[in-house]
Amino acid sequence: MQKPVQRAPVAALLLALLLAQACGGQEGQVQQASGAQQQKHQPPLFTATFPHGAAIESSIARHPEHDFSVFDHLWYHGSRFYGIQSSATIRANASNLGLQASKNVGIITLATANPKKHYANIQAKWLGGLTLLVDQPYPQFPDNMGFWAEVLLPLYSLLSDAAWRGAGLGRVDQILFANMHRSQLTGKDWVWEMMKLAVAPGAAPGAELPRTIFYDDFGQLNRREWLCIQRAVLLNDRYIHKRARSGFWSPQLAARFREEAYSKHRITMPPAAPRTITLLNNAHSEKVVNEPDLIEALYDVGKAFGQRMRPLSMTAEAPFQSYLAAMARTGVLVSRHGPQLANSMFLPPGAVVVELIPYNWHGTGFGEVYRNITWSTADVHHVAWRARHSRWALYNSTDDQRYSSWTAKECESQHCVDAHAKAHMVVDTAAVAELTQESLAAVRGGAVRPRLRPWPIANEESARGNWWHIAST
């Protein structure tokens, strides 16, 4: 005879469940407390103790021929940078700190009768070592590869150049993104991988990247505290310094950067441009409306020249390695002007870029951003088709369309620039196909200096001081 099953009273089961939850809750509280304790014991970025004999007064050493400046004892307080100098220094006309150093970094000269007494009357903290002050020109677009390339390629060039050592500069201790929040670069693999490559010449041996400091980290300072940055280096940018370079400083540096990128990510770079036409577009950006017709036209060009043709859609969130692999398989890159074109620096030697520039896209030198990058490599050929009439633009609204009659030179206001940035694009497929054919014929046989169609300028341009302009004058 089977024994009846013994059932626990309901009250006992409820009591056991409550006890388990209470223990689990206590354990969770202990884990949270432990995590907070660990966070609390992380070393602070800024120290309260100044080195013995540290100078308080600020100074600057400009190196205009190499596009950078060195700031000693640069002060930060209340979201602003200051140069603290004595009244005597300023009266002697030796002060040169009050300036717009880059697009988003201004330095205010603060005059004081005695900098040491000023220091004695404030709460101050110290950031020692060498700090790279990185100013991405448009922080509202943290994933824009073009804006990052304008910063990182000259930075790599500087850290690799003898001018860095000649100025008595050594290992980089930290990178300061004063105008960006850390969360803005979360998941931005392309930006971080480019950062590692660019800073590698100045990083400590075996370190992928120096420590990074963002605007958020200034939260460690209370509102009354001042921060003294022992030494900061800031690159000149083309937005403030008209002759500043926005590409590589030499073709040799461009080739080395490309080789290091391929080597690090274990991708083989072909010795010559592959026989493939890639039509690249940004999946999250404005479209080429008649893209199917463009694909058909480029397919015919490829067929005539024995080239494979493939459309490729990518986003800014795509891994850096994916972009690198795509460039390794491309001989002709056709793309609407946009951030994805920053990857043209990784094209194999002898490759061609056919850029499609939207109507009225000229303000602040935007139309030449990617040309400056490829021209600085000296082995990637770059041509462009430029929309010269509003019929090639599909505006988002009638409000935007009111700018359709403005000339490229007139379209410098933010509203006009935004209207054309948001507009979809229609291209002259026959003209683009003809330009691609001409370019393929010109580079056939590996010509080092092929006769390509001149760059289609929108207005009278002046040289920007890049090495290719200087060499041609």
Foldseek 3Di string as FASTA:
>chain_A
DDDDDDDDDPVVVVVVVVVVVVVVVVVVVVVVVVVVVVVVPDDAQWAQDDPPPADQAKDKDDDVVLQKIKIFFWKDADLAIEGEDEPVCVVVVNDDQQAQQELPHGYYYDYDNDRVVVVVPAREIERDDEEEEFEQNDQVCVLQQLSLLLGQQSLLQCLPDVVCVVVVHAAHQEYEDEPYDPVSCVLQQQSLLSQQLRRVSRHDPPDSHHYYHYNVSCVVDDNRYMYTYRMYMYGYGCLVQLQGARAHQALVSLVVSLVVSCVVLVHDADQAFAQEEEEEEEPPFFAAPPVVLLQVLVCVLSVVVVGHYDYDYHHSSDHNVVLLNVLSNGQEYEYEQGSSLLSVSNHHFLGEYEYEYEELQAAPNSVCSSVSHVVRNLRYHYEYDYDHACVFWAWPDVVLCVCRPPASVRQHDPSPNVRRRRIHGYDDSVVSSVLVNVSCVQCPPNDSDGDHDDHDDRDDDDDSNRPVVVVVD
